[in-house]
Amino acid sequence: SASADDKPGILNQLSEAYLKSNTDKSIDYANQALNLSKQGGDITEEAGANVNLGNAYVQNGNAAKSISYYQDAIKIFNQYNQPASSAVIWNKIADAYVGAQKYSEAFDADTKALDIFKKINDKNGIMSMNIELGDVCFKQKKYEISISNYKQALKMAEDSKDAKEQVTILTRISRSYNGWGNYDETYKVLNNAFEIAKK
């Protein structure tokens, strides 16, 4: 049989495995992992169990409960100086808020993630959060702010010469211009995306 030290990790893996097919089982395994990891002082698996519970409750449509578990994971990551992990979970919190159509809360959570990524100079994280912030603003029809965020991400994609990401971001920019009713810019940006995609 597995040692007591191994059980929280195995239970967390079971929770992850059941996430898409059976959220009740995923929650049950994550709760077991959470309890055992707390008893054994296994901080890594405790954080993982909180993340798994957050993920499962998002799947169930319970944003409030998922956010509570995500925040517990962030407390652990902050306590043990793991800023990149905190930033990733702030983004998960933002996604949970988007699912609940609470866009200003989602914007705030993604902004927290962006600030952390900036502090640790994680360029991919910064670019991703600018895209996410653009998406949140787009959903609120705040096209000017969404374009501003997308353009910051675009600059980073250009600097890293990531053509695929440039096309993805340009498509989002064109969609924002289109929503805003600026069709000349829409066509200009789409043509730019097409030229990059052809290369």
C-alpha atoms as a PDB file:
ATOM      1  CA  SER A   1       0.000   0.000   0.000  1.00  0.00           C
ATOM      2  CA  ALA A   2       1.074   3.608  -0.556  1.00  0.00           C
ATOM      3  CA  SER A   3       2.815   5.335   2.314  1.00  0.00           C
ATOM      4  CA  ALA A   4       0.968   8.123   4.137  1.00  0.00           C
ATOM      5  CA  ASP A   5       3.356  10.606   2.495  1.00  0.00           C
ATOM      6  CA  ASP A   6       2.337   9.491  -1.002  1.00  0.00           C
ATOM      7  CA  LYS A   7      -1.437   9.449  -0.475  1.00  0.00           C
ATOM      8  CA  PRO A   8      -2.181  13.206  -0.862  1.00  0.00           C
ATOM      9  CA  GLY A   9      -0.294  13.284  -4.188  1.00  0.00           C
ATOM     10  CA  ILE A  10      -2.095  10.205  -5.490  1.00  0.00           C
ATOM     11  CA  LEU A  11      -5.457  11.595  -4.365  1.00  0.00           C
ATOM     12  CA  ASN A  12      -4.681  14.897  -6.117  1.00  0.00           C
ATOM     13  CA  GLN A  13      -3.837  13.008  -9.310  1.00  0.00           C
ATOM     14  CA  LEU A  14      -7.131  11.128  -9.054  1.00  0.00           C
ATOM     15  CA  SER A  15      -8.930  14.442  -8.548  1.00  0.00           C
ATOM     16  CA  GLU A  16      -7.314  15.829 -11.712  1.00  0.00           C
ATOM     17  CA  ALA A  17      -8.129  12.653 -13.653  1.00  0.00           C
ATOM     18  CA  TYR A  18     -11.831  12.857 -12.756  1.00  0.00           C
ATOM     19  CA  LEU A  19     -12.163  16.616 -13.317  1.00  0.00           C
ATOM     20  CA  LYS A  20     -13.750  16.412 -16.778  1.00  0.00           C
ATOM     21  CA  SER A  21     -15.749  13.206 -16.346  1.00  0.00           C
ATOM     22  CA  ASN A  22     -17.037  13.260 -12.754  1.00  0.00           C
ATOM     23  CA  THR A  23     -16.675  16.474 -10.741  1.00  0.00           C
ATOM     24  CA  ASP A  24     -18.223  14.904  -7.615  1.00  0.00           C
ATOM     25  CA  LYS A  25     -15.446  12.294  -7.534  1.00  0.00           C
ATOM     26  CA  SER A  26     -12.879  14.994  -8.338  1.00  0.00           C
ATOM     27  CA  ILE A  27     -14.110  17.023  -5.344  1.00  0.00           C
ATOM     28  CA  ASP A  28     -14.142  13.962  -3.091  1.00  0.00           C
ATOM     29  CA  TYR A  29     -10.543  13.020  -3.939  1.00  0.00           C
ATOM     30  CA  ALA A  30      -9.359  16.628  -3.604  1.00  0.00           C
ATOM     31  CA  ASN A  31     -11.033  16.933  -0.182  1.00  0.00           C
ATOM     32  CA  GLN A  32      -9.302  13.738   0.952  1.00  0.00           C
ATOM     33  CA  ALA A  33      -5.981  15.083  -0.381  1.00  0.00           C
ATOM     34  CA  LEU A  34      -6.568  18.391   1.394  1.00  0.00           C
ATOM     35  CA  ASN A  35      -7.280  16.719   4.752  1.00  0.00           C
ATOM     36  CA  LEU A  36      -4.339  14.306   4.561  1.00  0.00           C
ATOM     37  CA  SER A  37      -1.906  16.977   3.346  1.00  0.00           C
ATOM     38  CA  LYS A  38      -2.898  19.260   6.237  1.00  0.00           C
ATOM     39  CA  GLN A  39      -2.440  16.400   8.721  1.00  0.00           C
ATOM     40  CA  GLY A  40       0.956  15.537   7.263  1.00  0.00           C
ATOM     41  CA  GLY A  41       2.108  19.131   6.743  1.00  0.00           C
ATOM     42  CA  ASP A  42       2.547  18.622   2.988  1.00  0.00           C
ATOM     43  CA  ILE A  43       2.248  22.210   1.764  1.00  0.00           C
ATOM     44  CA  THR A  44       2.705  21.365  -1.938  1.00  0.00           C
ATOM     45  CA  GLU A  45      -0.164  18.874  -1.976  1.00  0.00           C
ATOM     46  CA  GLU A  46      -2.311  21.155   0.209  1.00  0.00           C
ATOM     47  CA  ALA A  47      -1.938  23.918  -2.386  1.00  0.00           C
ATOM     48  CA  GLY A  48      -2.610  21.388  -5.154  1.00  0.00           C
ATOM     49  CA  ALA A  49      -5.761  20.147  -3.441  1.00  0.00           C
ATOM     50  CA  ASN A  50      -7.054  23.706  -3.097  1.00  0.00           C
ATOM     51  CA  VAL A  51      -6.394  24.301  -6.807  1.00  0.00           C
ATOM     52  CA  ASN A  52      -8.127  21.018  -7.699  1.00  0.00           C
ATOM     53  CA  LEU A  53     -11.147  21.964  -5.586  1.00  0.00           C
ATOM     54  CA  GLY A  54     -11.210  25.370  -7.279  1.00  0.00           C
ATOM     55  CA  ASN A  55     -11.082  23.730 -10.709  1.00  0.00           C
ATOM     56  CA  ALA A  56     -13.843  21.263  -9.841  1.00  0.00           C
ATOM     57  CA  TYR A  57     -16.167  23.935  -8.477  1.00  0.00           C
ATOM     58  CA  VAL A  58     -15.602  26.012 -11.634  1.00  0.00           C
ATOM     59  CA  GLN A  59     -16.704  22.930 -13.618  1.00  0.00           C
ATOM     60  CA  ASN A  60     -19.812  22.737 -11.401  1.00  0.00           C
ATOM     61  CA  GLY A  61     -20.581  26.416 -11.987  1.00  0.00           C
ATOM     62  CA  ASN A  62     -19.955  27.417  -8.371  1.00  0.00           C
ATOM     63  CA  ALA A  63     -17.689  30.429  -8.846  1.00  0.00           C
ATOM     64  CA  ALA A  64     -17.852  31.601  -5.224  1.00  0.00           C
ATOM     65  CA  LYS A  65     -16.688  28.272  -3.829  1.00  0.00           C
ATOM     66  CA  SER A  66     -13.984  27.873  -6.487  1.00  0.00           C
ATOM     67  CA  ILE A  67     -12.597  31.346  -5.781  1.00  0.00           C
ATOM     68  CA  SER A  68     -12.439  30.602  -2.050  1.00  0.00           C
ATOM     69  CA  TYR A  69     -10.291  27.511  -2.681  1.00  0.00           C
ATOM     70  CA  TYR A  70      -8.119  29.365  -5.196  1.00  0.00           C
ATOM     71  CA  GLN A  71      -7.543  32.100  -2.607  1.00  0.00           C
ATOM     72  CA  ASP A  72      -6.458  29.459  -0.076  1.00  0.00           C
ATOM     73  CA  ALA A  73      -3.922  28.189  -2.626  1.00  0.00           C
ATOM     74  CA  ILE A  74      -2.650  31.750  -3.201  1.00  0.00           C
ATOM     75  CA  LYS A  75      -2.112  32.191   0.555  1.00  0.00           C
ATOM     76  CA  ILE A  76       0.141  29.123   0.527  1.00  0.00           C
ATOM     77  CA  PHE A  77       2.013  30.242  -2.598  1.00  0.00           C
ATOM     78  CA  ASN A  78       2.543  33.701  -1.097  1.00  0.00           C
ATOM     79  CA  GLN A  79       3.679  32.257   2.214  1.00  0.00           C
ATOM     80  CA  TYR A  80       6.304  30.135   0.437  1.00  0.00           C
ATOM     81  CA  ASN A  81       7.305  32.814  -2.086  1.00  0.00           C
ATOM     82  CA  GLN A  82       5.984  31.236  -5.279  1.00  0.00           C
ATOM     83  CA  PRO A  83       4.809  34.325  -7.172  1.00  0.00           C
ATOM     84  CA  ALA A  84       4.441  32.620 -10.563  1.00  0.00           C
ATOM     85  CA  SER A  85       2.032  30.081  -9.047  1.00  0.00           C
ATOM     86  CA  SER A  86       0.077  32.891  -7.359  1.00  0.00           C
ATOM     87  CA  ALA A  87      -0.218  34.722 -10.678  1.00  0.00           C
ATOM     88  CA  VAL A  88      -1.519  31.618 -12.456  1.00  0.00           C
ATOM     89  CA  ILE A  89      -4.180  31.159  -9.774  1.00  0.00           C
ATOM     90  CA  TRP A  90      -5.190  34.842  -9.904  1.00  0.00           C
ATOM     91  CA  ASN A  91      -5.848  34.184 -13.594  1.00  0.00           C
ATOM     92  CA  LYS A  92      -7.973  31.145 -12.685  1.00  0.00           C
ATOM     93  CA  ILE A  93      -9.926  33.389 -10.294  1.00  0.00           C
ATOM     94  CA  ALA A  94     -10.464  35.829 -13.168  1.00  0.00           C
ATOM     95  CA  ASP A  95     -11.738  32.990 -15.360  1.00  0.00           C
ATOM     96  CA  ALA A  96     -14.158  31.930 -12.605  1.00  0.00           C
ATOM     97  CA  TYR A  97     -15.450  35.516 -12.415  1.00  0.00           C
ATOM     98  CA  VAL A  98     -15.849  35.623 -16.211  1.00  0.00           C
ATOM     99  CA  GLY A  99     -17.900  32.422 -15.990  1.00  0.00           C
ATOM    100  CA  ALA A 100     -20.118  34.179 -13.445  1.00  0.00           C
ATOM    101  CA  GLN A 101     -20.243  37.296 -15.698  1.00  0.00           C
ATOM    102  CA  LYS A 102     -18.554  39.416 -13.011  1.00  0.00           C
ATOM    103  CA  TYR A 103     -16.249  41.249 -15.374  1.00  0.00           C
ATOM    104  CA  SER A 104     -14.935  44.026 -13.156  1.00  0.00           C
ATOM    105  CA  GLU A 105     -13.850  41.406 -10.574  1.00  0.00           C
ATOM    106  CA  ALA A 106     -12.268  39.376 -13.396  1.00  0.00           C
ATOM    107  CA  PHE A 107     -10.402  42.485 -14.575  1.00  0.00           C
ATOM    108  CA  ASP A 108      -9.095  43.103 -11.036  1.00  0.00           C
ATOM    109  CA  ALA A 109      -7.925  39.482 -10.649  1.00  0.00           C
ATOM    110  CA  ASP A 110      -6.155  39.492 -14.031  1.00  0.00           C
ATOM    111  CA  THR A 111      -4.560  42.829 -13.113  1.00  0.00           C
ATOM    112  CA  LYS A 112      -3.170  41.211  -9.942  1.00  0.00           C
ATOM    113  CA  ALA A 113      -1.755  38.386 -12.069  1.00  0.00           C
ATOM    114  CA  LEU A 114      -0.260  40.900 -14.517  1.00  0.00           C
ATOM    115  CA  ASP A 115       1.381  42.880 -11.694  1.00  0.00           C
ATOM    116  CA  ILE A 116       2.985  39.708 -10.321  1.00  0.00           C
ATOM    117  CA  PHE A 117       4.225  38.638 -13.764  1.00  0.00           C
ATOM    118  CA  LYS A 118       5.725  42.120 -14.223  1.00  0.00           C
ATOM    119  CA  LYS A 119       7.500  41.923 -10.845  1.00  0.00           C
ATOM    120  CA  ILE A 120       9.118  38.609 -11.766  1.00  0.00           C
ATOM    121  CA  ASN A 121       9.668  39.693 -15.390  1.00  0.00           C
ATOM    122  CA  ASP A 122       7.768  36.731 -16.862  1.00  0.00           C
ATOM    123  CA  LYS A 123       7.293  37.909 -20.440  1.00  0.00           C
ATOM    124  CA  ASN A 124       4.925  35.114 -21.465  1.00  0.00           C
ATOM    125  CA  GLY A 125       2.835  35.730 -18.368  1.00  0.00           C
ATOM    126  CA  ILE A 126       2.714  39.463 -19.075  1.00  0.00           C
ATOM    127  CA  MET A 127       1.665  38.876 -22.681  1.00  0.00           C
ATOM    128  CA  SER A 128      -0.999  36.332 -21.659  1.00  0.00           C
ATOM    129  CA  MET A 129      -2.480  38.658 -19.039  1.00  0.00           C
ATOM    130  CA  ASN A 130      -2.622  41.554 -21.500  1.00  0.00           C
ATOM    131  CA  ILE A 131      -4.583  39.280 -23.840  1.00  0.00           C
ATOM    132  CA  GLU A 132      -6.838  38.135 -20.983  1.00  0.00           C
ATOM    133  CA  LEU A 133      -7.464  41.733 -19.895  1.00  0.00           C
ATOM    134  CA  GLY A 134      -8.298  42.598 -23.487  1.00  0.00           C
ATOM    135  CA  ASP A 135     -10.751  39.695 -23.619  1.00  0.00           C
ATOM    136  CA  VAL A 136     -12.463  40.763 -20.381  1.00  0.00           C
ATOM    137  CA  CYS A 137     -12.839  44.334 -21.685  1.00  0.00           C
ATOM    138  CA  PHE A 138     -14.120  43.040 -25.029  1.00  0.00           C
ATOM    139  CA  LYS A 139     -16.884  41.106 -23.235  1.00  0.00           C
ATOM    140  CA  GLN A 140     -17.929  44.396 -21.607  1.00  0.00           C
ATOM    141  CA  LYS A 141     -17.829  46.209 -24.976  1.00  0.00           C
ATOM    142  CA  LYS A 142     -14.960  48.380 -23.669  1.00  0.00           C
ATOM    143  CA  TYR A 143     -13.264  48.182 -27.036  1.00  0.00           C
ATOM    144  CA  GLU A 144     -10.777  51.003 -26.593  1.00  0.00           C
ATOM    145  CA  ILE A 145      -9.349  49.429 -23.423  1.00  0.00           C
ATOM    146  CA  SER A 146      -9.365  45.955 -24.983  1.00  0.00           C
ATOM    147  CA  ILE A 147      -7.389  47.268 -27.990  1.00  0.00           C
ATOM    148  CA  SER A 148      -4.884  48.965 -25.676  1.00  0.00           C
ATOM    149  CA  ASN A 149      -4.268  45.692 -23.816  1.00  0.00           C
ATOM    150  CA  TYR A 150      -4.056  43.681 -27.025  1.00  0.00           C
ATOM    151  CA  LYS A 151      -1.542  46.158 -28.469  1.00  0.00           C
ATOM    152  CA  GLN A 152       0.702  45.756 -25.418  1.00  0.00           C
ATOM    153  CA  ALA A 153       0.598  41.991 -25.959  1.00  0.00           C
ATOM    154  CA  LEU A 154       1.205  42.470 -29.698  1.00  0.00           C
ATOM    155  CA  LYS A 155       4.370  44.484 -29.023  1.00  0.00           C
ATOM    156  CA  MET A 156       5.721  41.611 -26.939  1.00  0.00           C
ATOM    157  CA  ALA A 157       4.804  39.041 -29.611  1.00  0.00           C
ATOM    158  CA  GLU A 158       6.582  41.205 -32.201  1.00  0.00           C
ATOM    159  CA  ASP A 159       9.649  41.544 -29.970  1.00  0.00           C
ATOM    160  CA  SER A 160       9.840  37.761 -29.582  1.00  0.00           C
ATOM    161  CA  LYS A 161       9.108  37.288 -33.313  1.00  0.00           C
ATOM    162  CA  ASP A 162       6.206  34.952 -32.476  1.00  0.00           C
ATOM    163  CA  ALA A 163       4.223  35.108 -35.731  1.00  0.00           C
ATOM    164  CA  LYS A 164       1.464  32.742 -34.609  1.00  0.00           C
ATOM    165  CA  GLU A 165       0.790  34.812 -31.471  1.00  0.00           C
ATOM    166  CA  GLN A 166       0.883  38.034 -33.532  1.00  0.00           C
ATOM    167  CA  VAL A 167      -1.857  36.682 -35.829  1.00  0.00           C
ATOM    168  CA  THR A 168      -3.953  35.580 -32.833  1.00  0.00           C
ATOM    169  CA  ILE A 169      -3.644  39.011 -31.202  1.00  0.00           C
ATOM    170  CA  LEU A 170      -4.248  40.925 -34.435  1.00  0.00           C
ATOM    171  CA  THR A 171      -7.445  38.933 -34.944  1.00  0.00           C
ATOM    172  CA  ARG A 172      -8.600  40.026 -31.482  1.00  0.00           C
ATOM    173  CA  ILE A 173      -7.691  43.648 -32.248  1.00  0.00           C
ATOM    174  CA  SER A 174      -9.682  43.528 -35.496  1.00  0.00           C
ATOM    175  CA  ARG A 175     -12.668  42.057 -33.659  1.00  0.00           C
ATOM    176  CA  SER A 176     -12.496  44.941 -31.169  1.00  0.00           C
ATOM    177  CA  TYR A 177     -12.307  47.561 -33.919  1.00  0.00           C
ATOM    178  CA  ASN A 178     -15.244  45.862 -35.604  1.00  0.00           C
ATOM    179  CA  GLY A 179     -17.279  45.932 -32.375  1.00  0.00           C
ATOM    180  CA  TRP A 180     -16.356  49.573 -31.971  1.00  0.00           C
ATOM    181  CA  GLY A 181     -17.617  50.284 -35.499  1.00  0.00           C
ATOM    182  CA  ASN A 182     -14.191  51.295 -36.877  1.00  0.00           C
ATOM    183  CA  TYR A 183     -14.280  49.193 -40.049  1.00  0.00           C
ATOM    184  CA  ASP A 184     -11.277  50.822 -41.766  1.00  0.00           C
ATOM    185  CA  GLU A 185      -9.036  49.769 -38.874  1.00  0.00           C
ATOM    186  CA  THR A 186     -10.715  46.346 -38.832  1.00  0.00           C
ATOM    187  CA  TYR A 187      -9.714  45.719 -42.456  1.00  0.00           C
ATOM    188  CA  LYS A 188      -6.232  47.184 -41.977  1.00  0.00           C
ATOM    189  CA  VAL A 189      -5.507  44.955 -38.986  1.00  0.00           C
ATOM    190  CA  LEU A 190      -6.943  41.850 -40.665  1.00  0.00           C
ATOM    191  CA  ASN A 191      -4.791  42.470 -43.754  1.00  0.00           C
ATOM    192  CA  ASN A 192      -1.766  42.813 -41.476  1.00  0.00           C
ATOM    193  CA  ALA A 193      -2.659  39.483 -39.811  1.00  0.00           C
ATOM    194  CA  PHE A 194      -3.080  37.869 -43.222  1.00  0.00           C
ATOM    195  CA  GLU A 195       0.342  39.085 -44.399  1.00  0.00           C
ATOM    196  CA  ILE A 196       2.033  37.679 -41.288  1.00  0.00           C
ATOM    197  CA  ALA A 197       0.134  34.385 -41.616  1.00  0.00           C
ATOM    198  CA  LYS A 198       1.289  34.012 -45.251  1.00  0.00           C
ATOM    199  CA  LYS A 199       4.987  34.148 -44.295  1.00  0.00           C
END
